[in-house]
């Protein structure tokens, strides 16, 4: 939809995923969108180089999120939110909406 604006469709997917879910990691994106891992790694590196997103480690996993110090973050989020509202419901549910737990927790299992 906005791939001509962002340069490629992978960047678009990453930005919308971050808009809805706040955080992501490359393997999560690969599993969600069924694209090669390297494509997401390259897109995330490009966005991080432009200071649009930042990364930090949680254990061994490199987690990405929007850079709170990015000067146009509020405008970018507002723009992405306006575009996201026009997405079909099926696309939103399939790719972007947070995944809810499907199975119940074992009784007595610590949180």
PDB file of N, CA and C in Angstrom:
ATOM      1  N   UNK A   1       0.811  -1.184   0.000  1.00  0.00           N
ATOM      2  CA  UNK A   1       0.000   0.000   0.000  1.00  0.00           C
ATOM      3  C   UNK A   1       0.864   1.261   0.000  1.00  0.00           C
ATOM      4  N   UNK A   2       1.871   1.305   0.866  1.00  0.00           N
ATOM      5  CA  UNK A   2       2.764   2.466   0.940  1.00  0.00           C
ATOM      6  C   UNK A   2       4.195   2.114   0.566  1.00  0.00           C
ATOM      7  N   UNK A   3       4.384   0.989  -0.116  1.00  0.00           N
ATOM      8  CA  UNK A   3       5.745   0.551  -0.414  1.00  0.00           C
ATOM      9  C   UNK A   3       6.504   1.546  -1.279  1.00  0.00           C
ATOM     10  N   UNK A   4       5.822   2.298  -2.124  1.00  0.00           N
ATOM     11  CA  UNK A   4       6.516   3.296  -2.939  1.00  0.00           C
ATOM     12  C   UNK A   4       7.007   4.449  -2.066  1.00  0.00           C
ATOM     13  N   UNK A   5       6.321   4.717  -0.961  1.00  0.00           N
ATOM     14  CA  UNK A   5       6.729   5.780  -0.056  1.00  0.00           C
ATOM     15  C   UNK A   5       7.892   5.340   0.832  1.00  0.00           C
ATOM     16  N   UNK A   6       7.835   4.115   1.341  1.00  0.00           N
ATOM     17  CA  UNK A   6       8.857   3.624   2.255  1.00  0.00           C
ATOM     18  C   UNK A   6      10.024   2.934   1.565  1.00  0.00           C
ATOM     19  N   UNK A   7       9.913   2.617   0.302  1.00  0.00           N
ATOM     20  CA  UNK A   7      11.020   1.998  -0.416  1.00  0.00           C
ATOM     21  C   UNK A   7      10.811   0.533  -0.715  1.00  0.00           C
ATOM     22  N   UNK A   8      10.196  -0.202   0.189  1.00  0.00           N
ATOM     23  CA  UNK A   8       9.876  -1.605  -0.072  1.00  0.00           C
ATOM     24  C   UNK A   8       8.765  -2.073   0.867  1.00  0.00           C
ATOM     25  N   UNK A   9       8.125  -3.180   0.544  1.00  0.00           N
ATOM     26  CA  UNK A   9       6.996  -3.637   1.357  1.00  0.00           C
ATOM     27  C   UNK A   9       7.400  -4.150   2.741  1.00  0.00           C
ATOM     28  N   UNK A  10       8.641  -4.584   2.912  1.00  0.00           N
ATOM     29  CA  UNK A  10       9.085  -5.110   4.203  1.00  0.00           C
ATOM     30  C   UNK A  10       9.115  -3.989   5.247  1.00  0.00           C
ATOM     31  N   UNK A  11       9.619  -2.819   4.866  1.00  0.00           N
ATOM     32  CA  UNK A  11       9.657  -1.671   5.790  1.00  0.00           C
ATOM     33  C   UNK A  11       8.234  -1.318   6.220  1.00  0.00           C
ATOM     34  N   UNK A  12       7.327  -1.342   5.266  1.00  0.00           N
ATOM     35  CA  UNK A  12       5.929  -1.051   5.565  1.00  0.00           C
ATOM     36  C   UNK A  12       5.381  -2.041   6.597  1.00  0.00           C
ATOM     37  N   UNK A  13       5.649  -3.322   6.415  1.00  0.00           N
ATOM     38  CA  UNK A  13       5.174  -4.345   7.342  1.00  0.00           C
ATOM     39  C   UNK A  13       5.756  -4.139   8.733  1.00  0.00           C
ATOM     40  N   UNK A  14       7.047  -3.816   8.801  1.00  0.00           N
ATOM     41  CA  UNK A  14       7.712  -3.601  10.086  1.00  0.00           C
ATOM     42  C   UNK A  14       7.089  -2.417  10.817  1.00  0.00           C
ATOM     43  N   UNK A  15       6.895  -1.311  10.116  1.00  0.00           N
ATOM     44  CA  UNK A  15       6.353  -0.111  10.754  1.00  0.00           C
ATOM     45  C   UNK A  15       4.936  -0.336  11.278  1.00  0.00           C
ATOM     46  N   UNK A  16       4.097  -0.994  10.499  1.00  0.00           N
ATOM     47  CA  UNK A  16       2.733  -1.246  10.957  1.00  0.00           C
ATOM     48  C   UNK A  16       2.714  -2.261  12.100  1.00  0.00           C
ATOM     49  N   UNK A  17       3.606  -3.247  12.056  1.00  0.00           N
ATOM     50  CA  UNK A  17       3.681  -4.218  13.141  1.00  0.00           C
ATOM     51  C   UNK A  17       4.102  -3.521  14.435  1.00  0.00           C
ATOM     52  N   UNK A  18       5.087  -2.623  14.345  1.00  0.00           N
ATOM     53  CA  UNK A  18       5.521  -1.881  15.523  1.00  0.00           C
ATOM     54  C   UNK A  18       4.437  -0.933  16.028  1.00  0.00           C
ATOM     55  N   UNK A  19       3.673  -0.355  15.122  1.00  0.00           N
ATOM     56  CA  UNK A  19       2.594   0.535  15.525  1.00  0.00           C
ATOM     57  C   UNK A  19       1.589  -0.195  16.409  1.00  0.00           C
ATOM     58  N   UNK A  20       1.230  -1.406  16.032  1.00  0.00           N
ATOM     59  CA  UNK A  20       0.204  -2.149  16.760  1.00  0.00           C
ATOM     60  C   UNK A  20       0.776  -2.863  17.982  1.00  0.00           C
ATOM     61  N   UNK A  21       1.955  -3.472  17.839  1.00  0.00           N
ATOM     62  CA  UNK A  21       2.482  -4.343  18.893  1.00  0.00           C
ATOM     63  C   UNK A  21       3.573  -3.724  19.759  1.00  0.00           C
ATOM     64  N   UNK A  22       4.037  -2.524  19.429  1.00  0.00           N
ATOM     65  CA  UNK A  22       5.045  -1.782  20.191  1.00  0.00           C
ATOM     66  C   UNK A  22       6.453  -2.373  20.104  1.00  0.00           C
ATOM     67  N   UNK A  23       6.616  -3.680  20.112  1.00  0.00           N
ATOM     68  CA  UNK A  23       7.937  -4.319  20.054  1.00  0.00           C
ATOM     69  C   UNK A  23       7.900  -5.475  19.070  1.00  0.00           C
ATOM     70  N   UNK A  24       9.081  -5.831  18.552  1.00  0.00           N
ATOM     71  CA  UNK A  24       9.168  -7.008  17.681  1.00  0.00           C
ATOM     72  C   UNK A  24      10.607  -7.481  17.631  1.00  0.00           C
ATOM     73  N   UNK A  25      10.789  -8.681  17.096  1.00  0.00           N
ATOM     74  CA  UNK A  25      12.116  -9.203  16.804  1.00  0.00           C
ATOM     75  C   UNK A  25      12.048  -9.896  15.449  1.00  0.00           C
ATOM     76  N   UNK A  26      13.181 -10.015  14.761  1.00  0.00           N
ATOM     77  CA  UNK A  26      13.165 -10.488  13.365  1.00  0.00           C
ATOM     78  C   UNK A  26      12.479 -11.834  13.150  1.00  0.00           C
ATOM     79  N   UNK A  27      12.720 -12.808  14.007  1.00  0.00           N
ATOM     80  CA  UNK A  27      12.102 -14.127  13.815  1.00  0.00           C
ATOM     81  C   UNK A  27      10.591 -14.064  13.974  1.00  0.00           C
ATOM     82  N   UNK A  28      10.122 -13.207  14.840  1.00  0.00           N
ATOM     83  CA  UNK A  28       8.681 -13.023  15.017  1.00  0.00           C
ATOM     84  C   UNK A  28       8.061 -12.482  13.730  1.00  0.00           C
ATOM     85  N   UNK A  29       8.736 -11.530  13.101  1.00  0.00           N
ATOM     86  CA  UNK A  29       8.250 -10.975  11.838  1.00  0.00           C
ATOM     87  C   UNK A  29       8.263 -12.027  10.736  1.00  0.00           C
ATOM     88  N   UNK A  30       9.340 -12.821  10.694  1.00  0.00           N
ATOM     89  CA  UNK A  30       9.432 -13.880   9.684  1.00  0.00           C
ATOM     90  C   UNK A  30       8.299 -14.881   9.836  1.00  0.00           C
ATOM     91  N   UNK A  31       8.019 -15.279  11.054  1.00  0.00           N
ATOM     92  CA  UNK A  31       6.948 -16.249  11.294  1.00  0.00           C
ATOM     93  C   UNK A  31       5.576 -15.669  10.986  1.00  0.00           C
ATOM     94  N   UNK A  32       5.396 -14.389  11.223  1.00  0.00           N
ATOM     95  CA  UNK A  32       4.104 -13.750  10.983  1.00  0.00           C
ATOM     96  C   UNK A  32       3.839 -13.553   9.501  1.00  0.00           C
ATOM     97  N   UNK A  33       4.826 -13.039   8.776  1.00  0.00           N
ATOM     98  CA  UNK A  33       4.610 -12.660   7.378  1.00  0.00           C
ATOM     99  C   UNK A  33       5.118 -13.685   6.360  1.00  0.00           C
ATOM    100  N   UNK A  34       5.825 -14.716   6.810  1.00  0.00           N
ATOM    101  CA  UNK A  34       6.340 -15.769   5.926  1.00  0.00           C
ATOM    102  C   UNK A  34       7.236 -15.207   4.816  1.00  0.00           C
ATOM    103  N   UNK A  35       8.127 -14.286   5.190  1.00  0.00           N
ATOM    104  CA  UNK A  35       9.145 -13.760   4.281  1.00  0.00           C
ATOM    105  C   UNK A  35      10.502 -14.182   4.824  1.00  0.00           C
ATOM    106  N   UNK A  36      11.560 -14.102   4.014  1.00  0.00           N
ATOM    107  CA  UNK A  36      12.886 -14.491   4.502  1.00  0.00           C
ATOM    108  C   UNK A  36      13.351 -13.626   5.679  1.00  0.00           C
ATOM    109  N   UNK A  37      14.033 -14.259   6.614  1.00  0.00           N
ATOM    110  CA  UNK A  37      14.529 -13.575   7.802  1.00  0.00           C
ATOM    111  C   UNK A  37      15.469 -12.431   7.437  1.00  0.00           C
ATOM    112  N   UNK A  38      16.333 -12.656   6.449  1.00  0.00           N
ATOM    113  CA  UNK A  38      17.311 -11.642   6.063  1.00  0.00           C
ATOM    114  C   UNK A  38      16.633 -10.351   5.622  1.00  0.00           C
ATOM    115  N   UNK A  39      15.492 -10.443   4.973  1.00  0.00           N
ATOM    116  CA  UNK A  39      14.761  -9.247   4.537  1.00  0.00           C
ATOM    117  C   UNK A  39      14.370  -8.388   5.726  1.00  0.00           C
ATOM    118  N   UNK A  40      13.889  -9.031   6.787  1.00  0.00           N
ATOM    119  CA  UNK A  40      13.494  -8.282   7.978  1.00  0.00           C
ATOM    120  C   UNK A  40      14.712  -7.747   8.716  1.00  0.00           C
ATOM    121  N   UNK A  41      15.791  -8.519   8.773  1.00  0.00           N
ATOM    122  CA  UNK A  41      17.003  -8.039   9.428  1.00  0.00           C
ATOM    123  C   UNK A  41      17.552  -6.804   8.711  1.00  0.00           C
ATOM    124  N   UNK A  42      17.544  -6.836   7.413  1.00  0.00           N
ATOM    125  CA  UNK A  42      18.037  -5.706   6.626  1.00  0.00           C
ATOM    126  C   UNK A  42      17.133  -4.483   6.797  1.00  0.00           C
ATOM    127  N   UNK A  43      15.820  -4.676   6.795  1.00  0.00           N
ATOM    128  CA  UNK A  43      14.880  -3.570   6.976  1.00  0.00           C
ATOM    129  C   UNK A  43      15.020  -2.959   8.367  1.00  0.00           C
ATOM    130  N   UNK A  44      15.140  -3.800   9.379  1.00  0.00           N
ATOM    131  CA  UNK A  44      15.302  -3.294  10.740  1.00  0.00           C
ATOM    132  C   UNK A  44      16.616  -2.543  10.895  1.00  0.00           C
ATOM    133  N   UNK A  45      17.673  -3.037  10.279  1.00  0.00           N
ATOM    134  CA  UNK A  45      18.960  -2.339  10.326  1.00  0.00           C
ATOM    135  C   UNK A  45      18.862  -0.976   9.638  1.00  0.00           C
ATOM    136  N   UNK A  46      18.158  -0.916   8.536  1.00  0.00           N
ATOM    137  CA  UNK A  46      17.986   0.341   7.805  1.00  0.00           C
ATOM    138  C   UNK A  46      17.198   1.352   8.636  1.00  0.00           C
ATOM    139  N   UNK A  47      16.132   0.904   9.277  1.00  0.00           N
ATOM    140  CA  UNK A  47      15.348   1.800  10.125  1.00  0.00           C
ATOM    141  C   UNK A  47      16.138   2.235  11.365  1.00  0.00           C
ATOM    142  N   UNK A  48      16.947   1.337  11.892  1.00  0.00           N
ATOM    143  CA  UNK A  48      17.758   1.687  13.058  1.00  0.00           C
ATOM    144  C   UNK A  48      18.861   2.677  12.673  1.00  0.00           C
ATOM    145  N   UNK A  49      19.425   2.507  11.509  1.00  0.00           N
ATOM    146  CA  UNK A  49      20.450   3.443  11.035  1.00  0.00           C
ATOM    147  C   UNK A  49      19.861   4.844  10.857  1.00  0.00           C
ATOM    148  N   UNK A  50      18.595   4.932  10.468  1.00  0.00           N
ATOM    149  CA  UNK A  50      17.914   6.210  10.315  1.00  0.00           C
ATOM    150  C   UNK A  50      17.335   6.744  11.621  1.00  0.00           C
ATOM    151  N   UNK A  51      17.599   6.068  12.733  1.00  0.00           N
ATOM    152  CA  UNK A  51      17.134   6.452  14.073  1.00  0.00           C
ATOM    153  C   UNK A  51      15.617   6.443  14.226  1.00  0.00           C
ATOM    154  N   UNK A  52      14.924   5.734  13.363  1.00  0.00           N
ATOM    155  CA  UNK A  52      13.469   5.619  13.496  1.00  0.00           C
ATOM    156  C   UNK A  52      13.139   4.607  14.591  1.00  0.00           C
ATOM    157  N   UNK A  53      13.942   3.548  14.700  1.00  0.00           N
ATOM    158  CA  UNK A  53      13.745   2.531  15.731  1.00  0.00           C
ATOM    159  C   UNK A  53      15.038   2.342  16.502  1.00  0.00           C
ATOM    160  N   UNK A  54      14.940   1.733  17.647  1.00  0.00           N
ATOM    161  CA  UNK A  54      16.101   1.387  18.464  1.00  0.00           C
ATOM    162  C   UNK A  54      15.980  -0.076  18.867  1.00  0.00           C
ATOM    163  N   UNK A  55      17.097  -0.651  19.243  1.00  0.00           N
ATOM    164  CA  UNK A  55      17.093  -2.051  19.664  1.00  0.00           C
ATOM    165  C   UNK A  55      17.715  -2.177  21.050  1.00  0.00           C
ATOM    166  N   UNK A  56      17.323  -3.224  21.728  1.00  0.00           N
ATOM    167  CA  UNK A  56      17.934  -3.585  22.999  1.00  0.00           C
ATOM    168  C   UNK A  56      17.811  -5.097  23.160  1.00  0.00           C
ATOM    169  N   UNK A  57      18.666  -5.647  24.000  1.00  0.00           N
ATOM    170  CA  UNK A  57      18.656  -7.096  24.196  1.00  0.00           C
ATOM    171  C   UNK A  57      17.778  -7.459  25.373  1.00  0.00           C
ATOM    172  N   UNK A  58      16.998  -8.494  25.170  1.00  0.00           N
ATOM    173  CA  UNK A  58      16.265  -9.159  26.245  1.00  0.00           C
ATOM    174  C   UNK A  58      16.714 -10.608  26.213  1.00  0.00           C
ATOM    175  N   UNK A  59      17.620 -10.941  27.096  1.00  0.00           N
ATOM    176  CA  UNK A  59      18.247 -12.257  27.028  1.00  0.00           C
ATOM    177  C   UNK A  59      19.160 -12.310  25.822  1.00  0.00           C
ATOM    178  N   UNK A  60      18.940 -13.282  24.948  1.00  0.00           N
ATOM    179  CA  UNK A  60      19.716 -13.388  23.713  1.00  0.00           C
ATOM    180  C   UNK A  60      19.013 -12.736  22.528  1.00  0.00           C
ATOM    181  N   UNK A  61      17.793 -12.265  22.735  1.00  0.00           N
ATOM    182  CA  UNK A  61      16.980 -11.749  21.645  1.00  0.00           C
ATOM    183  C   UNK A  61      17.127 -10.240  21.518  1.00  0.00           C
ATOM    184  N   UNK A  62      17.308  -9.774  20.299  1.00  0.00           N
ATOM    185  CA  UNK A  62      17.392  -8.350  20.006  1.00  0.00           C
ATOM    186  C   UNK A  62      15.977  -7.845  19.708  1.00  0.00           C
ATOM    187  N   UNK A  63      15.475  -6.982  20.574  1.00  0.00           N
ATOM    188  CA  UNK A  63      14.112  -6.454  20.477  1.00  0.00           C
ATOM    189  C   UNK A  63      14.171  -5.047  19.873  1.00  0.00           C
ATOM    190  N   UNK A  64      13.263  -4.773  18.945  1.00  0.00           N
ATOM    191  CA  UNK A  64      13.188  -3.466  18.294  1.00  0.00           C
ATOM    192  C   UNK A  64      11.902  -2.761  18.696  1.00  0.00           C
ATOM    193  N   UNK A  65      11.986  -1.435  18.805  1.00  0.00           N
ATOM    194  CA  UNK A  65      10.815  -0.605  19.077  1.00  0.00           C
ATOM    195  C   UNK A  65      11.067   0.781  18.505  1.00  0.00           C
ATOM    196  N   UNK A  66      10.014   1.598  18.441  1.00  0.00           N
ATOM    197  CA  UNK A  66      10.181   2.959  17.945  1.00  0.00           C
ATOM    198  C   UNK A  66      11.127   3.721  18.856  1.00  0.00           C
ATOM    199  N   UNK A  67      11.945   4.580  18.270  1.00  0.00           N
ATOM    200  CA  UNK A  67      12.872   5.408  19.016  1.00  0.00           C
ATOM    201  C   UNK A  67      12.095   6.562  19.641  1.00  0.00           C
ATOM    202  N   UNK A  68      12.005   6.623  20.979  1.00  0.00           N
ATOM    203  CA  UNK A  68      11.246   7.704  21.598  1.00  0.00           C
ATOM    204  C   UNK A  68      11.872   9.073  21.370  1.00  0.00           C
ATOM    205  N   UNK A  69      13.128   9.129  20.981  1.00  0.00           N
ATOM    206  CA  UNK A  69      13.810  10.398  20.715  1.00  0.00           C
ATOM    207  C   UNK A  69      13.754  10.823  19.254  1.00  0.00           C
ATOM    208  N   UNK A  70      13.106  10.042  18.419  1.00  0.00           N
ATOM    209  CA  UNK A  70      12.957  10.400  17.007  1.00  0.00           C
ATOM    210  C   UNK A  70      12.095  11.661  16.921  1.00  0.00           C
ATOM    211  N   UNK A  71      12.588  12.718  16.266  1.00  0.00           N
ATOM    212  CA  UNK A  71      11.877  14.004  16.298  1.00  0.00           C
ATOM    213  C   UNK A  71      10.481  13.985  15.677  1.00  0.00           C
ATOM    214  N   UNK A  72      10.228  13.102  14.731  1.00  0.00           N
ATOM    215  CA  UNK A  72       8.929  13.070  14.060  1.00  0.00           C
ATOM    216  C   UNK A  72       8.112  11.848  14.451  1.00  0.00           C
ATOM    217  N   UNK A  73       8.364  11.313  15.625  1.00  0.00           N
ATOM    218  CA  UNK A  73       7.687  10.079  16.040  1.00  0.00           C
ATOM    219  C   UNK A  73       6.173  10.275  16.138  1.00  0.00           C
ATOM    220  N   UNK A  74       5.725  11.351  16.734  1.00  0.00           N
ATOM    221  CA  UNK A  74       4.280  11.570  16.869  1.00  0.00           C
ATOM    222  C   UNK A  74       3.616  11.700  15.507  1.00  0.00           C
ATOM    223  N   UNK A  75       4.254  12.406  14.592  1.00  0.00           N
ATOM    224  CA  UNK A  75       3.699  12.572  13.244  1.00  0.00           C
ATOM    225  C   UNK A  75       3.696  11.243  12.491  1.00  0.00           C
ATOM    226  N   UNK A  76       4.777  10.470  12.653  1.00  0.00           N
ATOM    227  CA  UNK A  76       4.863   9.164  11.984  1.00  0.00           C
ATOM    228  C   UNK A  76       3.781   8.228  12.512  1.00  0.00           C
ATOM    229  N   UNK A  77       3.613   8.182  13.812  1.00  0.00           N
ATOM    230  CA  UNK A  77       2.580   7.323  14.404  1.00  0.00           C
ATOM    231  C   UNK A  77       1.180   7.746  13.945  1.00  0.00           C
ATOM    232  N   UNK A  78       0.932   9.053  13.919  1.00  0.00           N
ATOM    233  CA  UNK A  78      -0.379   9.539  13.488  1.00  0.00           C
ATOM    234  C   UNK A  78      -0.636   9.168  12.026  1.00  0.00           C
ATOM    235  N   UNK A  79       0.384   9.321  11.181  1.00  0.00           N
ATOM    236  CA  UNK A  79       0.248   8.965   9.771  1.00  0.00           C
ATOM    237  C   UNK A  79      -0.016   7.474   9.610  1.00  0.00           C
ATOM    238  N   UNK A  80       0.767   6.656  10.294  1.00  0.00           N
ATOM    239  CA  UNK A  80       0.594   5.200  10.202  1.00  0.00           C
ATOM    240  C   UNK A  80      -0.777   4.782  10.746  1.00  0.00           C
ATOM    241  N   UNK A  81      -1.226   5.403  11.818  1.00  0.00           N
ATOM    242  CA  UNK A  81      -2.529   5.072  12.394  1.00  0.00           C
ATOM    243  C   UNK A  81      -3.649   5.407  11.420  1.00  0.00           C
ATOM    244  N   UNK A  82      -3.544   6.552  10.744  1.00  0.00           N
ATOM    245  CA  UNK A  82      -4.566   6.929   9.760  1.00  0.00           C
ATOM    246  C   UNK A  82      -4.620   5.933   8.609  1.00  0.00           C
ATOM    247  N   UNK A  83      -3.473   5.494   8.145  1.00  0.00           N
ATOM    248  CA  UNK A  83      -3.431   4.514   7.051  1.00  0.00           C
ATOM    249  C   UNK A  83      -3.930   3.160   7.541  1.00  0.00           C
ATOM    250  N   UNK A  84      -3.555   2.782   8.758  1.00  0.00           N
ATOM    251  CA  UNK A  84      -3.928   1.478   9.316  1.00  0.00           C
ATOM    252  C   UNK A  84      -5.446   1.317   9.404  1.00  0.00           C
ATOM    253  N   UNK A  85      -6.158   2.406   9.634  1.00  0.00           N
ATOM    254  CA  UNK A  85      -7.611   2.344   9.733  1.00  0.00           C
ATOM    255  C   UNK A  85      -8.266   1.905   8.427  1.00  0.00           C
ATOM    256  N   UNK A  86      -7.571   2.073   7.297  1.00  0.00           N
ATOM    257  CA  UNK A  86      -8.124   1.677   6.004  1.00  0.00           C
ATOM    258  C   UNK A  86      -7.789   0.236   5.625  1.00  0.00           C
ATOM    259  N   UNK A  87      -6.985  -0.441   6.431  1.00  0.00           N
ATOM    260  CA  UNK A  87      -6.657  -1.841   6.147  1.00  0.00           C
ATOM    261  C   UNK A  87      -7.910  -2.690   6.293  1.00  0.00           C
ATOM    262  N   UNK A  88      -8.058  -3.723   5.458  1.00  0.00           N
ATOM    263  CA  UNK A  88      -9.185  -4.650   5.645  1.00  0.00           C
ATOM    264  C   UNK A  88      -9.065  -5.390   6.983  1.00  0.00           C
ATOM    265  N   UNK A  89     -10.185  -5.713   7.554  1.00  0.00           N
ATOM    266  CA  UNK A  89     -10.219  -6.375   8.857  1.00  0.00           C
ATOM    267  C   UNK A  89      -9.456  -7.703   8.838  1.00  0.00           C
ATOM    268  N   UNK A  90      -9.548  -8.432   7.741  1.00  0.00           N
ATOM    269  CA  UNK A  90      -8.868  -9.733   7.628  1.00  0.00           C
ATOM    270  C   UNK A  90      -7.348  -9.568   7.717  1.00  0.00           C
ATOM    271  N   UNK A  91      -6.826  -8.540   7.064  1.00  0.00           N
ATOM    272  CA  UNK A  91      -5.371  -8.290   7.095  1.00  0.00           C
ATOM    273  C   UNK A  91      -4.948  -7.899   8.509  1.00  0.00           C
ATOM    274  N   UNK A  92      -5.715  -7.052   9.153  1.00  0.00           N
ATOM    275  CA  UNK A  92      -5.396  -6.639  10.524  1.00  0.00           C
ATOM    276  C   UNK A  92      -5.335  -7.842  11.456  1.00  0.00           C
ATOM    277  N   UNK A  93      -6.352  -8.700  11.384  1.00  0.00           N
ATOM    278  CA  UNK A  93      -6.406  -9.850  12.282  1.00  0.00           C
ATOM    279  C   UNK A  93      -5.332 -10.877  11.977  1.00  0.00           C
ATOM    280  N   UNK A  94      -5.023 -11.056  10.701  1.00  0.00           N
ATOM    281  CA  UNK A  94      -4.063 -12.082  10.317  1.00  0.00           C
ATOM    282  C   UNK A  94      -2.624 -11.695  10.658  1.00  0.00           C
ATOM    283  N   UNK A  95      -2.259 -10.428  10.439  1.00  0.00           N
ATOM    284  CA  UNK A  95      -0.857 -10.046  10.566  1.00  0.00           C
ATOM    285  C   UNK A  95      -0.529  -9.128  11.735  1.00  0.00           C
ATOM    286  N   UNK A  96      -1.398  -8.212  12.071  1.00  0.00           N
ATOM    287  CA  UNK A  96      -0.980  -7.137  12.956  1.00  0.00           C
ATOM    288  C   UNK A  96      -1.535  -7.184  14.368  1.00  0.00           C
ATOM    289  N   UNK A  97      -2.708  -7.714  14.558  1.00  0.00           N
ATOM    290  CA  UNK A  97      -3.293  -7.697  15.893  1.00  0.00           C
ATOM    291  C   UNK A  97      -2.492  -8.614  16.819  1.00  0.00           C
ATOM    292  N   UNK A  98      -2.337  -8.193  18.088  1.00  0.00           N
ATOM    293  CA  UNK A  98      -1.580  -9.026  19.030  1.00  0.00           C
ATOM    294  C   UNK A  98      -2.192 -10.413  19.165  1.00  0.00           C
ATOM    295  N   UNK A  99      -1.348 -11.389  19.297  1.00  0.00           N
ATOM    296  CA  UNK A  99      -1.792 -12.772  19.418  1.00  0.00           C
ATOM    297  C   UNK A  99      -2.210 -13.022  20.865  1.00  0.00           C
ATOM    298  N   UNK A 100      -3.401 -13.553  21.033  1.00  0.00           N
ATOM    299  CA  UNK A 100      -3.873 -13.885  22.373  1.00  0.00           C
ATOM    300  C   UNK A 100      -3.600 -15.359  22.642  1.00  0.00           C
ATOM    301  N   UNK A 101      -3.386 -15.661  23.878  1.00  0.00           N
ATOM    302  CA  UNK A 101      -3.105 -17.035  24.270  1.00  0.00           C
ATOM    303  C   UNK A 101      -4.320 -17.906  24.002  1.00  0.00           C
ATOM    304  N   UNK A 102      -4.110 -19.039  23.345  1.00  0.00           N
ATOM    305  CA  UNK A 102      -5.213 -19.916  22.961  1.00  0.00           C
ATOM    306  C   UNK A 102      -5.470 -21.015  23.995  1.00  0.00           C
ATOM    307  N   UNK A 103      -4.421 -21.427  24.702  1.00  0.00           N
ATOM    308  CA  UNK A 103      -4.576 -22.505  25.669  1.00  0.00           C
ATOM    309  C   UNK A 103      -4.555 -21.943  27.081  1.00  0.00           C
ATOM    310  N   UNK A 104      -5.302 -22.548  27.990  1.00  0.00           N
ATOM    311  CA  UNK A 104      -5.286 -22.054  29.375  1.00  0.00           C
ATOM    312  C   UNK A 104      -3.979 -22.440  30.070  1.00  0.00           C
ATOM    313  N   UNK A 105      -3.644 -21.679  31.101  1.00  0.00           N
ATOM    314  CA  UNK A 105      -2.454 -21.992  31.897  1.00  0.00           C
ATOM    315  C   UNK A 105      -2.747 -23.175  32.818  1.00  0.00           C
ATOM    316  N   UNK A 106      -1.700 -23.943  33.127  1.00  0.00           N
ATOM    317  CA  UNK A 106      -1.837 -25.043  34.075  1.00  0.00           C
ATOM    318  C   UNK A 106      -2.141 -24.470  35.460  1.00  0.00           C
ATOM    319  N   UNK A 107      -3.030 -25.086  36.172  1.00  0.00           N
ATOM    320  CA  UNK A 107      -3.397 -24.599  37.498  1.00  0.00           C
ATOM    321  C   UNK A 107      -2.201 -24.670  38.428  1.00  0.00           C
ATOM    322  N   UNK A 108      -1.961 -23.566  39.136  1.00  0.00           N
ATOM    323  CA  UNK A 108      -0.859 -23.525  40.088  1.00  0.00           C
ATOM    324  C   UNK A 108       0.485 -23.152  39.467  1.00  0.00           C
ATOM    325  N   UNK A 109       0.541 -22.950  38.169  1.00  0.00           N
ATOM    326  CA  UNK A 109       1.799 -22.604  37.516  1.00  0.00           C
ATOM    327  C   UNK A 109       2.159 -21.152  37.870  1.00  0.00           C
ATOM    328  N   UNK A 110       3.403 -20.906  38.317  1.00  0.00           N
ATOM    329  CA  UNK A 110       3.766 -19.525  38.676  1.00  0.00           C
ATOM    330  C   UNK A 110       3.828 -18.637  37.435  1.00  0.00           C
ATOM    331  N   UNK A 111       3.520 -17.352  37.625  1.00  0.00           N
ATOM    332  CA  UNK A 111       3.536 -16.408  36.523  1.00  0.00           C
ATOM    333  C   UNK A 111       4.914 -16.063  36.106  1.00  0.00           C
TER     334      UNK A 111
END
